[in-house]
């Protein structure tokens, strides 16, 4: 009950193994590995979030008269945190 499906790989006829996606067993192969810095990805997330919540943010400030917005569990400090805070666009914001 064995057959050959491309690239000389013998597999059971009932279970087709795509050699271009899977490696040995059920583990997937890493086809491509792009490295993106965490700082750049955080800035991209900030831009995306800022564009999506700008209207809701302004509405919440008017409706609830917010004085403080806290972003917790951050993994950045120093200059990197200042850049992220500046990109968020909150007026009078600073890191603690």
N, C-alpha and C. Protein backbone atom coordinates (compact mmCIF):
# COMPACT_ATOMS: atom_id res chain seq x y z
N UNK A 1 0.81 -1.20 0.00
CA UNK A 1 0.00 0.00 0.00
C UNK A 1 0.85 1.26 0.00
N UNK A 2 1.98 1.19 -0.60
CA UNK A 2 2.82 2.37 -0.69
C UNK A 2 2.82 2.89 -2.11
N UNK A 3 2.89 4.18 -2.26
CA UNK A 3 2.95 4.80 -3.57
C UNK A 3 4.01 5.88 -3.57
N UNK A 4 4.30 6.41 -4.72
CA UNK A 4 5.32 7.45 -4.83
C UNK A 4 4.65 8.74 -5.30
N UNK A 5 4.82 9.81 -4.54
CA UNK A 5 4.22 11.10 -4.88
C UNK A 5 5.32 12.14 -5.03
N UNK A 6 5.83 12.34 -6.19
CA UNK A 6 6.81 13.40 -6.44
C UNK A 6 8.03 13.31 -5.55
N UNK A 7 9.12 13.79 -6.00
CA UNK A 7 10.37 13.88 -5.25
C UNK A 7 10.81 12.54 -4.69
N UNK A 8 10.28 11.43 -5.19
CA UNK A 8 10.72 10.11 -4.77
C UNK A 8 10.35 9.74 -3.35
N UNK A 9 9.37 10.38 -2.76
CA UNK A 9 8.98 10.11 -1.39
C UNK A 9 7.88 9.05 -1.36
N UNK A 10 8.17 7.95 -0.69
CA UNK A 10 7.18 6.88 -0.58
C UNK A 10 6.31 7.16 0.64
N UNK A 11 5.01 7.16 0.43
CA UNK A 11 4.07 7.38 1.53
C UNK A 11 2.91 6.43 1.36
N UNK A 12 2.15 6.25 2.42
CA UNK A 12 0.95 5.42 2.31
C UNK A 12 -0.04 6.10 1.39
N UNK A 13 -0.76 5.32 0.62
CA UNK A 13 -1.70 5.89 -0.36
C UNK A 13 -2.80 6.69 0.32
N UNK A 14 -3.19 6.31 1.51
CA UNK A 14 -4.28 7.00 2.20
C UNK A 14 -3.82 8.28 2.88
N UNK A 15 -2.54 8.46 3.02
CA UNK A 15 -2.05 9.63 3.74
C UNK A 15 -1.03 10.35 2.87
N UNK A 16 -1.45 11.44 2.24
CA UNK A 16 -0.58 12.19 1.33
C UNK A 16 0.28 13.15 2.14
N UNK A 17 1.56 13.12 1.91
CA UNK A 17 2.49 13.99 2.62
C UNK A 17 3.05 15.01 1.65
N UNK A 18 2.75 16.26 1.88
CA UNK A 18 3.26 17.32 1.02
C UNK A 18 4.65 17.70 1.52
N UNK A 19 5.67 17.28 0.80
CA UNK A 19 7.05 17.46 1.22
C UNK A 19 7.48 18.93 1.19
N UNK A 20 6.77 19.76 0.44
CA UNK A 20 7.16 21.17 0.38
C UNK A 20 6.73 21.93 1.62
N UNK A 21 5.76 21.42 2.36
CA UNK A 21 5.28 22.10 3.56
C UNK A 21 5.72 21.38 4.82
N UNK A 22 5.66 20.05 4.82
CA UNK A 22 5.97 19.30 6.04
C UNK A 22 7.34 18.67 5.97
N UNK A 23 7.97 18.58 7.12
CA UNK A 23 9.25 17.92 7.26
C UNK A 23 8.96 16.51 7.77
N UNK A 24 9.81 15.96 8.56
CA UNK A 24 9.59 14.61 9.10
C UNK A 24 8.39 14.61 10.04
N UNK A 25 7.54 13.64 9.91
CA UNK A 25 6.39 13.52 10.79
C UNK A 25 5.37 14.61 10.54
N UNK A 26 4.80 15.13 11.59
CA UNK A 26 3.75 16.14 11.50
C UNK A 26 4.28 17.56 11.71
N UNK A 27 5.58 17.72 11.82
CA UNK A 27 6.16 19.05 12.07
C UNK A 27 6.26 19.83 10.77
N UNK A 28 5.90 21.10 10.82
CA UNK A 28 5.99 21.96 9.64
C UNK A 28 7.41 22.49 9.50
N UNK A 29 7.85 22.64 8.27
CA UNK A 29 9.17 23.20 7.99
C UNK A 29 9.07 24.72 8.01
N UNK A 30 10.14 25.34 8.43
CA UNK A 30 10.23 26.79 8.32
C UNK A 30 10.68 27.11 6.90
N UNK A 31 9.76 27.62 6.11
CA UNK A 31 10.06 27.89 4.71
C UNK A 31 10.86 29.18 4.59
N UNK A 32 10.50 30.17 5.38
CA UNK A 32 11.14 31.46 5.30
C UNK A 32 11.21 32.04 6.71
N UNK A 33 12.30 32.66 7.04
CA UNK A 33 12.46 33.23 8.36
C UNK A 33 12.87 34.69 8.21
N UNK A 34 11.92 35.59 8.39
CA UNK A 34 12.21 37.02 8.32
C UNK A 34 12.41 37.54 9.73
N UNK A 35 13.44 38.33 9.90
CA UNK A 35 13.68 38.93 11.21
C UNK A 35 13.24 40.38 11.17
N UNK A 36 12.38 40.74 12.11
CA UNK A 36 11.91 42.11 12.25
C UNK A 36 12.18 42.50 13.69
N UNK A 37 12.75 43.66 13.90
CA UNK A 37 13.06 44.06 15.27
C UNK A 37 11.77 44.27 16.06
N UNK A 38 11.85 43.99 17.34
CA UNK A 38 10.69 44.15 18.21
C UNK A 38 10.27 45.62 18.25
N UNK A 39 11.24 46.51 18.26
CA UNK A 39 10.95 47.93 18.29
C UNK A 39 10.16 48.36 17.06
N UNK A 40 10.59 47.90 15.88
CA UNK A 40 9.88 48.24 14.64
C UNK A 40 8.47 47.66 14.62
N UNK A 41 8.33 46.43 15.10
CA UNK A 41 7.00 45.82 15.11
C UNK A 41 6.08 46.51 16.11
N UNK A 42 6.63 46.95 17.25
CA UNK A 42 5.82 47.70 18.22
C UNK A 42 5.37 49.04 17.62
N UNK A 43 6.26 49.71 16.91
CA UNK A 43 5.88 50.97 16.27
C UNK A 43 4.80 50.76 15.22
N UNK A 44 4.89 49.67 14.48
CA UNK A 44 3.84 49.35 13.50
C UNK A 44 2.51 49.09 14.19
N UNK A 45 2.57 48.38 15.32
CA UNK A 45 1.34 48.12 16.08
C UNK A 45 0.76 49.41 16.61
N UNK A 46 1.62 50.30 17.08
CA UNK A 46 1.15 51.60 17.60
C UNK A 46 0.44 52.38 16.50
N UNK A 47 1.02 52.41 15.31
CA UNK A 47 0.39 53.13 14.20
C UNK A 47 -0.96 52.52 13.84
N UNK A 48 -1.03 51.19 13.81
CA UNK A 48 -2.29 50.51 13.49
C UNK A 48 -3.35 50.78 14.55
N UNK A 49 -2.97 50.62 15.81
CA UNK A 49 -3.92 50.84 16.90
C UNK A 49 -4.37 52.29 16.92
N UNK A 50 -3.41 53.20 16.75
CA UNK A 50 -3.74 54.63 16.78
C UNK A 50 -4.74 54.99 15.68
N UNK A 51 -4.55 54.42 14.49
CA UNK A 51 -5.47 54.73 13.39
C UNK A 51 -6.85 54.13 13.63
N UNK A 52 -6.92 53.00 14.32
CA UNK A 52 -8.20 52.33 14.53
C UNK A 52 -8.98 52.89 15.71
N UNK A 53 -8.28 53.41 16.71
CA UNK A 53 -9.01 53.86 17.90
C UNK A 53 -9.12 55.37 18.03
N UNK A 54 -8.63 56.10 17.06
CA UNK A 54 -8.64 57.56 17.18
C UNK A 54 -10.05 58.09 17.40
N UNK A 55 -11.01 57.63 16.63
CA UNK A 55 -12.39 58.10 16.77
C UNK A 55 -12.97 57.67 18.11
N UNK A 56 -12.76 56.39 18.47
CA UNK A 56 -13.29 55.90 19.75
C UNK A 56 -12.61 56.60 20.92
N UNK A 57 -11.32 56.89 20.78
CA UNK A 57 -10.58 57.58 21.83
C UNK A 57 -11.17 58.96 22.07
N UNK A 58 -11.40 59.70 21.01
CA UNK A 58 -11.96 61.05 21.15
C UNK A 58 -13.37 61.00 21.73
N UNK A 59 -14.16 60.01 21.32
CA UNK A 59 -15.51 59.86 21.85
C UNK A 59 -15.47 59.52 23.33
N UNK A 60 -14.55 58.64 23.72
CA UNK A 60 -14.44 58.26 25.13
C UNK A 60 -14.02 59.44 25.99
N UNK A 61 -13.12 60.26 25.49
CA UNK A 61 -12.69 61.43 26.26
C UNK A 61 -13.86 62.38 26.47
N UNK A 62 -14.67 62.59 25.43
CA UNK A 62 -15.82 63.48 25.55
C UNK A 62 -16.88 62.87 26.46
N UNK A 63 -17.18 61.57 26.26
CA UNK A 63 -18.23 60.92 27.03
C UNK A 63 -17.87 60.72 28.50
N UNK A 64 -16.62 60.31 28.76
CA UNK A 64 -16.24 59.91 30.12
C UNK A 64 -15.27 60.88 30.78
N UNK A 65 -14.84 61.90 30.07
CA UNK A 65 -13.91 62.90 30.61
C UNK A 65 -12.70 62.25 31.27
N UNK A 66 -11.96 61.46 30.49
CA UNK A 66 -10.80 60.75 31.00
C UNK A 66 -9.66 61.70 31.32
N UNK A 67 -9.01 61.47 32.46
CA UNK A 67 -7.83 62.23 32.84
C UNK A 67 -6.56 61.39 32.68
N UNK A 68 -6.68 60.08 32.88
CA UNK A 68 -5.51 59.20 32.85
C UNK A 68 -5.82 57.97 32.02
N UNK A 69 -4.88 57.62 31.16
CA UNK A 69 -4.95 56.36 30.42
C UNK A 69 -3.68 55.61 30.75
N UNK A 70 -3.80 54.38 31.27
CA UNK A 70 -2.63 53.59 31.64
C UNK A 70 -2.43 52.42 30.71
N UNK A 71 -1.21 52.28 30.21
CA UNK A 71 -0.84 51.12 29.40
C UNK A 71 0.13 50.31 30.24
N UNK A 72 -0.30 49.13 30.66
CA UNK A 72 0.48 48.33 31.60
C UNK A 72 1.20 47.19 30.90
N UNK A 73 2.12 46.56 31.62
CA UNK A 73 2.88 45.42 31.12
C UNK A 73 3.73 45.77 29.91
N UNK A 74 4.36 46.91 29.94
CA UNK A 74 5.24 47.27 28.84
C UNK A 74 6.61 46.63 29.03
N UNK A 75 7.29 46.40 27.94
CA UNK A 75 8.61 45.77 27.98
C UNK A 75 9.69 46.74 27.51
N UNK A 76 9.36 48.02 27.42
CA UNK A 76 10.31 49.02 26.95
C UNK A 76 10.53 50.04 28.03
N UNK A 77 11.68 50.68 27.98
CA UNK A 77 11.95 51.76 28.92
C UNK A 77 12.86 52.77 28.24
N UNK A 78 13.07 53.87 28.89
CA UNK A 78 13.98 54.88 28.39
C UNK A 78 13.50 55.53 27.11
N UNK A 79 14.45 55.75 26.21
CA UNK A 79 14.17 56.44 24.96
C UNK A 79 13.17 55.73 24.09
N UNK A 80 13.22 54.39 24.07
CA UNK A 80 12.27 53.63 23.25
C UNK A 80 10.84 53.86 23.74
N UNK A 81 10.66 53.89 25.05
CA UNK A 81 9.32 54.15 25.59
C UNK A 81 8.85 55.55 25.23
N UNK A 82 9.76 56.52 25.27
CA UNK A 82 9.39 57.89 24.90
C UNK A 82 8.94 57.99 23.45
N UNK A 83 9.62 57.25 22.56
CA UNK A 83 9.24 57.27 21.14
C UNK A 83 7.86 56.66 20.95
N UNK A 84 7.59 55.54 21.62
CA UNK A 84 6.28 54.89 21.50
C UNK A 84 5.19 55.80 22.04
N UNK A 85 5.44 56.43 23.17
CA UNK A 85 4.45 57.35 23.75
C UNK A 85 4.19 58.51 22.80
N UNK A 86 5.25 59.04 22.20
CA UNK A 86 5.08 60.15 21.25
C UNK A 86 4.26 59.70 20.04
N UNK A 87 4.48 58.48 19.57
CA UNK A 87 3.73 57.96 18.42
C UNK A 87 2.27 57.70 18.75
N UNK A 88 1.95 57.44 20.01
CA UNK A 88 0.56 57.22 20.39
C UNK A 88 -0.26 58.49 20.25
N UNK A 89 0.37 59.64 20.36
CA UNK A 89 -0.32 60.90 20.15
C UNK A 89 -1.11 61.40 21.34
N UNK A 90 -0.87 60.87 22.52
CA UNK A 90 -1.56 61.37 23.70
C UNK A 90 -0.91 62.68 24.13
N UNK A 91 -1.73 63.67 24.39
CA UNK A 91 -1.22 64.96 24.83
C UNK A 91 -0.86 64.86 26.31
N UNK A 92 0.23 65.47 26.72
CA UNK A 92 0.70 65.49 28.11
C UNK A 92 1.01 64.09 28.64
N UNK A 93 1.54 63.22 27.83
CA UNK A 93 1.85 61.88 28.31
C UNK A 93 3.34 61.75 28.59
N UNK A 94 3.68 60.88 29.51
CA UNK A 94 5.07 60.61 29.85
C UNK A 94 5.17 59.22 30.46
N UNK A 95 6.38 58.70 30.48
CA UNK A 95 6.58 57.39 31.09
C UNK A 95 6.87 57.56 32.57
N UNK A 96 6.51 56.55 33.34
CA UNK A 96 6.74 56.58 34.78
C UNK A 96 7.71 55.48 35.13
